[in-house]
N, C-alpha and C. Protein backbone atom coordinates (compact mmCIF):
# COMPACT_ATOMS: atom_id res chain seq x y z
N MET A 1 0.85 -1.18 0.00
CA MET A 1 0.00 0.00 0.00
C MET A 1 0.89 1.23 0.00
N GLU A 2 0.55 2.15 -0.86
CA GLU A 2 1.29 3.41 -0.95
C GLU A 2 0.78 4.37 0.11
N GLY A 3 1.69 5.22 0.59
CA GLY A 3 1.31 6.20 1.59
C GLY A 3 0.30 7.19 1.05
N PRO A 4 -0.42 7.84 1.91
CA PRO A 4 -1.44 8.80 1.46
C PRO A 4 -0.85 9.95 0.65
N VAL A 5 -1.63 10.40 -0.32
CA VAL A 5 -1.26 11.51 -1.19
C VAL A 5 -2.40 12.51 -1.15
N TYR A 6 -2.06 13.80 -1.03
CA TYR A 6 -3.08 14.84 -0.98
C TYR A 6 -3.26 15.41 -2.38
N ARG A 7 -4.46 15.20 -2.97
CA ARG A 7 -4.75 15.72 -4.31
C ARG A 7 -6.17 16.25 -4.34
N ASP A 8 -6.32 17.39 -4.97
CA ASP A 8 -7.64 18.00 -5.16
C ASP A 8 -8.42 18.15 -3.87
N GLY A 9 -7.75 18.51 -2.78
CA GLY A 9 -8.42 18.78 -1.51
C GLY A 9 -8.81 17.55 -0.72
N THR A 10 -8.36 16.37 -1.13
CA THR A 10 -8.68 15.14 -0.40
C THR A 10 -7.44 14.26 -0.30
N TRP A 11 -7.46 13.38 0.68
CA TRP A 11 -6.38 12.42 0.85
C TRP A 11 -6.72 11.14 0.12
N TRP A 12 -5.75 10.60 -0.63
CA TRP A 12 -5.91 9.38 -1.40
C TRP A 12 -4.78 8.42 -1.07
N GLN A 13 -5.05 7.14 -1.21
CA GLN A 13 -3.99 6.15 -1.15
C GLN A 13 -4.34 5.03 -2.12
N TYR A 14 -3.31 4.35 -2.59
CA TYR A 14 -3.50 3.29 -3.57
C TYR A 14 -3.04 1.99 -2.94
N GLY A 15 -3.92 1.00 -2.87
CA GLY A 15 -3.53 -0.27 -2.30
C GLY A 15 -4.72 -1.13 -1.97
N GLY A 16 -4.52 -2.05 -1.06
CA GLY A 16 -5.56 -2.98 -0.68
C GLY A 16 -5.27 -4.36 -1.24
N THR A 17 -6.18 -5.32 -0.99
CA THR A 17 -5.97 -6.68 -1.50
C THR A 17 -6.00 -6.69 -3.02
N GLU A 18 -6.94 -6.00 -3.62
CA GLU A 18 -6.92 -5.73 -5.06
C GLU A 18 -6.57 -4.25 -5.18
N PRO A 19 -5.34 -3.92 -5.63
CA PRO A 19 -4.93 -2.50 -5.62
C PRO A 19 -5.96 -1.59 -6.29
N GLN A 20 -6.38 -0.60 -5.55
CA GLN A 20 -7.35 0.37 -6.04
C GLN A 20 -7.20 1.65 -5.25
N TRP A 21 -7.79 2.72 -5.76
CA TRP A 21 -7.77 3.99 -5.07
C TRP A 21 -8.70 3.95 -3.88
N GLN A 22 -8.23 4.54 -2.78
CA GLN A 22 -9.05 4.69 -1.58
C GLN A 22 -9.04 6.15 -1.18
N LYS A 23 -10.21 6.67 -0.83
CA LYS A 23 -10.37 8.08 -0.47
C LYS A 23 -10.70 8.17 1.02
N TRP A 24 -10.10 9.16 1.71
CA TRP A 24 -10.36 9.36 3.13
C TRP A 24 -11.66 10.12 3.29
N GLU A 25 -12.70 9.42 3.76
CA GLU A 25 -14.01 10.03 3.98
C GLU A 25 -14.61 9.46 5.26
N GLY A 26 -15.20 10.31 6.03
CA GLY A 26 -15.91 9.87 7.23
C GLY A 26 -15.03 9.17 8.25
N GLY A 27 -13.76 9.55 8.32
CA GLY A 27 -12.87 8.98 9.32
C GLY A 27 -12.30 7.63 8.95
N ARG A 28 -12.46 7.19 7.71
CA ARG A 28 -11.87 5.92 7.28
C ARG A 28 -11.65 5.93 5.76
N TRP A 29 -10.87 4.96 5.28
CA TRP A 29 -10.57 4.86 3.86
C TRP A 29 -11.72 4.17 3.15
N GLN A 30 -12.26 4.85 2.14
CA GLN A 30 -13.36 4.30 1.34
C GLN A 30 -12.81 3.86 -0.01
N SER A 31 -13.09 2.61 -0.40
CA SER A 31 -12.65 2.13 -1.71
C SER A 31 -13.39 2.86 -2.81
N GLN A 32 -12.69 3.16 -3.90
CA GLN A 32 -13.26 3.89 -5.01
C GLN A 32 -13.15 3.05 -6.29
N ASP A 33 -14.00 3.35 -7.24
CA ASP A 33 -13.99 2.67 -8.53
C ASP A 33 -12.76 3.13 -9.32
N LYS A 34 -12.03 2.19 -9.92
CA LYS A 34 -10.81 2.52 -10.66
C LYS A 34 -11.06 3.40 -11.87
N SER A 35 -12.20 3.24 -12.51
CA SER A 35 -12.44 3.93 -13.77
C SER A 35 -12.73 5.42 -13.62
N ASN A 36 -12.96 5.91 -12.42
CA ASN A 36 -13.33 7.30 -12.22
C ASN A 36 -12.16 8.26 -12.09
N PHE A 37 -10.94 7.76 -12.08
CA PHE A 37 -9.80 8.62 -11.75
C PHE A 37 -8.88 8.82 -12.93
N PRO A 38 -8.62 10.07 -13.29
CA PRO A 38 -7.75 10.34 -14.43
C PRO A 38 -6.27 10.25 -14.08
N PHE A 39 -5.92 10.11 -12.81
CA PHE A 39 -4.50 10.09 -12.46
C PHE A 39 -4.07 8.67 -12.08
N PRO A 40 -2.82 8.31 -12.39
CA PRO A 40 -2.31 6.97 -12.10
C PRO A 40 -1.95 6.84 -10.62
N PRO A 41 -1.62 5.64 -10.18
CA PRO A 41 -1.18 5.47 -8.79
C PRO A 41 0.08 6.31 -8.55
N PRO A 42 0.24 6.83 -7.35
CA PRO A 42 1.44 7.62 -7.06
C PRO A 42 2.69 6.74 -7.13
N PRO A 43 3.84 7.32 -7.50
CA PRO A 43 5.06 6.51 -7.58
C PRO A 43 5.48 6.03 -6.20
N SER A 44 6.09 4.88 -6.19
CA SER A 44 6.54 4.31 -4.93
C SER A 44 7.73 5.10 -4.39
N ARG A 45 7.77 5.27 -3.11
CA ARG A 45 8.91 5.98 -2.50
C ARG A 45 10.18 5.16 -2.60
N TRP A 46 10.06 3.86 -2.77
CA TRP A 46 11.24 3.00 -2.83
C TRP A 46 11.94 3.10 -4.17
N HIS A 47 11.30 3.66 -5.18
CA HIS A 47 11.94 3.76 -6.49
C HIS A 47 12.95 4.89 -6.55
N THR A 48 12.94 5.82 -5.62
CA THR A 48 13.85 6.96 -5.71
C THR A 48 15.31 6.54 -5.54
N TRP A 49 15.57 5.51 -4.75
CA TRP A 49 16.96 5.07 -4.58
C TRP A 49 17.48 4.35 -5.81
N GLN A 50 16.59 3.90 -6.69
CA GLN A 50 17.02 3.17 -7.87
C GLN A 50 17.43 4.09 -9.01
N THR A 51 17.31 5.39 -8.84
CA THR A 51 17.65 6.31 -9.91
C THR A 51 19.10 6.16 -10.34
N ALA A 52 20.01 6.02 -9.39
CA ALA A 52 21.43 5.88 -9.71
C ALA A 52 21.76 4.46 -10.16
N ASP A 53 20.80 3.55 -10.11
CA ASP A 53 21.03 2.17 -10.52
C ASP A 53 20.11 1.84 -11.70
N SER A 54 20.02 2.74 -12.66
CA SER A 54 19.13 2.54 -13.79
C SER A 54 19.91 2.63 -15.09
N GLU A 55 19.33 2.08 -16.15
CA GLU A 55 20.00 2.10 -17.45
C GLU A 55 20.26 3.52 -17.97
N PRO A 56 19.29 4.44 -17.86
CA PRO A 56 19.57 5.81 -18.34
C PRO A 56 20.74 6.46 -17.59
N PHE A 57 20.86 6.18 -16.31
CA PHE A 57 21.97 6.76 -15.56
C PHE A 57 23.30 6.20 -16.04
N TYR A 58 23.35 4.90 -16.34
CA TYR A 58 24.58 4.31 -16.85
C TYR A 58 24.97 4.89 -18.20
N VAL A 59 23.99 5.12 -19.06
CA VAL A 59 24.26 5.73 -20.37
C VAL A 59 24.78 7.16 -20.17
N PHE A 60 24.16 7.91 -19.25
CA PHE A 60 24.62 9.26 -18.94
C PHE A 60 26.06 9.22 -18.42
N LEU A 61 26.34 8.29 -17.52
CA LEU A 61 27.68 8.15 -16.95
C LEU A 61 28.69 7.82 -18.04
N LEU A 62 28.31 6.97 -18.98
CA LEU A 62 29.19 6.64 -20.08
C LEU A 62 29.51 7.88 -20.91
N GLY A 63 28.51 8.75 -21.12
CA GLY A 63 28.73 9.99 -21.85
C GLY A 63 29.69 10.92 -21.12
N VAL A 64 29.55 11.02 -19.81
CA VAL A 64 30.45 11.85 -19.01
C VAL A 64 31.88 11.31 -19.09
N LEU A 65 32.03 10.00 -18.99
CA LEU A 65 33.37 9.40 -19.09
C LEU A 65 33.97 9.61 -20.48
N ALA A 66 33.14 9.54 -21.52
CA ALA A 66 33.63 9.79 -22.88
C ALA A 66 34.08 11.24 -23.02
N ALA A 67 33.36 12.18 -22.41
CA ALA A 67 33.75 13.59 -22.47
C ALA A 67 35.07 13.82 -21.74
N ILE A 68 35.24 13.18 -20.60
CA ILE A 68 36.50 13.31 -19.85
C ILE A 68 37.66 12.70 -20.64
N LEU A 69 37.40 11.56 -21.26
CA LEU A 69 38.42 10.93 -22.10
C LEU A 69 38.78 11.83 -23.28
N ALA A 70 37.78 12.45 -23.90
CA ALA A 70 38.04 13.36 -25.02
C ALA A 70 38.86 14.56 -24.57
N LEU A 71 38.57 15.06 -23.38
CA LEU A 71 39.36 16.17 -22.84
C LEU A 71 40.82 15.76 -22.66
N GLY A 72 41.02 14.59 -22.05
CA GLY A 72 42.39 14.11 -21.84
C GLY A 72 43.15 13.92 -23.14
N ILE A 73 42.51 13.30 -24.13
CA ILE A 73 43.16 13.07 -25.42
C ILE A 73 43.46 14.38 -26.11
N THR A 74 42.51 15.31 -26.08
CA THR A 74 42.70 16.60 -26.75
C THR A 74 43.84 17.38 -26.12
N VAL A 75 43.90 17.43 -24.81
CA VAL A 75 44.97 18.16 -24.13
C VAL A 75 46.32 17.52 -24.42
N ALA A 76 46.37 16.19 -24.50
CA ALA A 76 47.64 15.51 -24.76
C ALA A 76 48.11 15.66 -26.20
N VAL A 77 47.19 15.71 -27.15
CA VAL A 77 47.56 15.71 -28.56
C VAL A 77 47.81 17.12 -29.11
N VAL A 78 47.01 18.10 -28.71
CA VAL A 78 47.09 19.45 -29.29
C VAL A 78 48.33 20.17 -28.75
N GLN A 79 49.12 20.69 -29.67
CA GLN A 79 50.34 21.39 -29.28
C GLN A 79 50.05 22.79 -28.76
N ASP A 80 49.21 23.52 -29.48
CA ASP A 80 48.86 24.89 -29.08
C ASP A 80 47.67 24.83 -28.13
N LYS A 81 47.92 25.05 -26.85
CA LYS A 81 46.88 24.88 -25.83
C LYS A 81 45.76 25.92 -25.93
N THR A 82 45.97 26.97 -26.69
CA THR A 82 44.89 27.94 -26.86
C THR A 82 43.79 27.41 -27.78
N LEU A 83 44.07 26.35 -28.51
CA LEU A 83 43.09 25.77 -29.43
C LEU A 83 42.28 24.64 -28.80
N VAL A 84 42.58 24.26 -27.57
CA VAL A 84 41.91 23.12 -26.94
C VAL A 84 40.39 23.33 -26.88
N ALA A 85 39.96 24.50 -26.47
CA ALA A 85 38.52 24.75 -26.36
C ALA A 85 37.84 24.73 -27.72
N ALA A 86 38.51 25.26 -28.74
CA ALA A 86 37.92 25.28 -30.09
C ALA A 86 37.81 23.87 -30.66
N ILE A 87 38.75 23.03 -30.36
CA ILE A 87 38.72 21.65 -30.85
C ILE A 87 37.75 20.80 -30.02
N LEU A 88 37.72 21.04 -28.74
CA LEU A 88 36.94 20.21 -27.83
C LEU A 88 35.44 20.51 -27.89
N ALA A 89 35.04 21.74 -28.20
CA ALA A 89 33.62 22.12 -28.18
C ALA A 89 32.76 21.25 -29.09
N PRO A 90 33.12 21.06 -30.36
CA PRO A 90 32.26 20.21 -31.19
C PRO A 90 32.29 18.74 -30.77
N ILE A 91 33.42 18.28 -30.27
CA ILE A 91 33.52 16.89 -29.83
C ILE A 91 32.59 16.65 -28.64
N ILE A 92 32.62 17.55 -27.67
CA ILE A 92 31.74 17.42 -26.50
C ILE A 92 30.28 17.55 -26.93
N GLY A 93 29.99 18.41 -27.90
CA GLY A 93 28.63 18.54 -28.41
C GLY A 93 28.12 17.25 -29.01
N VAL A 94 28.94 16.58 -29.79
CA VAL A 94 28.55 15.30 -30.41
C VAL A 94 28.38 14.23 -29.34
N ILE A 95 29.29 14.17 -28.39
CA ILE A 95 29.18 13.18 -27.30
C ILE A 95 27.91 13.43 -26.50
N GLY A 96 27.63 14.69 -26.19
CA GLY A 96 26.42 15.02 -25.43
C GLY A 96 25.15 14.68 -26.18
N ALA A 97 25.15 14.94 -27.49
CA ALA A 97 23.96 14.63 -28.29
C ALA A 97 23.71 13.13 -28.33
N PHE A 98 24.74 12.36 -28.59
CA PHE A 98 24.56 10.91 -28.65
C PHE A 98 24.22 10.32 -27.29
N ALA A 99 24.90 10.77 -26.25
CA ALA A 99 24.62 10.24 -24.90
C ALA A 99 23.22 10.63 -24.44
N GLY A 100 22.80 11.85 -24.71
CA GLY A 100 21.45 12.28 -24.33
C GLY A 100 20.39 11.51 -25.09
N HIS A 101 20.61 11.31 -26.37
CA HIS A 101 19.66 10.55 -27.19
C HIS A 101 19.58 9.10 -26.70
N ALA A 102 20.72 8.50 -26.43
CA ALA A 102 20.74 7.11 -25.96
C ALA A 102 20.11 6.99 -24.57
N ALA A 103 20.34 7.98 -23.72
CA ALA A 103 19.72 7.95 -22.39
C ALA A 103 18.21 8.07 -22.50
N GLY A 104 17.72 8.84 -23.44
CA GLY A 104 16.28 8.94 -23.67
C GLY A 104 15.70 7.61 -24.10
N HIS A 105 16.38 6.92 -25.00
CA HIS A 105 15.91 5.60 -25.42
C HIS A 105 15.96 4.60 -24.27
N ALA A 106 17.04 4.64 -23.49
CA ALA A 106 17.15 3.73 -22.35
C ALA A 106 16.05 4.01 -21.33
N SER A 107 15.72 5.28 -21.14
CA SER A 107 14.65 5.65 -20.22
C SER A 107 13.31 5.12 -20.71
N ALA A 108 13.05 5.26 -22.01
CA ALA A 108 11.79 4.77 -22.58
C ALA A 108 11.71 3.24 -22.44
N ILE A 109 12.78 2.56 -22.68
CA ILE A 109 12.78 1.09 -22.56
C ILE A 109 12.58 0.68 -21.12
N SER A 110 13.23 1.37 -20.18
CA SER A 110 13.06 0.99 -18.76
C SER A 110 11.64 1.26 -18.29
N VAL A 111 10.99 2.30 -18.80
CA VAL A 111 9.59 2.57 -18.44
C VAL A 111 8.69 1.48 -19.01
N MET A 112 8.96 1.07 -20.25
CA MET A 112 8.16 0.00 -20.86
C MET A 112 8.31 -1.30 -20.09
N LYS A 113 9.51 -1.57 -19.60
CA LYS A 113 9.72 -2.78 -18.80
C LYS A 113 8.94 -2.73 -17.49
N GLN A 114 8.87 -1.55 -16.88
CA GLN A 114 8.16 -1.41 -15.61
C GLN A 114 6.65 -1.50 -15.80
N LYS A 115 6.12 -1.14 -16.97
CA LYS A 115 4.69 -1.16 -17.22
C LYS A 115 4.15 -2.57 -17.35
N THR A 116 5.00 -3.52 -17.75
CA THR A 116 4.54 -4.90 -17.94
C THR A 116 4.63 -5.71 -16.69
């Protein structure tokens, strides 16, 4: 059972033997019909710790490591250090675009896995 959530001036919780919305009325939780509510069950509080242990986070981390590696290679290879920023800017842009795009796909896939 999920903890109570305050929405639209009333307290709600999602749970029970057959998970369903329950509304706080008359000093107790009243079961409600599932079809009447436009909002989904509230997210579990236990999922917040999994953010750093998710596929999108790993893809993001890979992008950050690639950017650091590109910085190291650029600084080591370029003779004129005043050109490092000019050379590195498009490289970091490409790494960021690909990593962000891949993280978006990984996020969509992880959401689809959770829905089933």
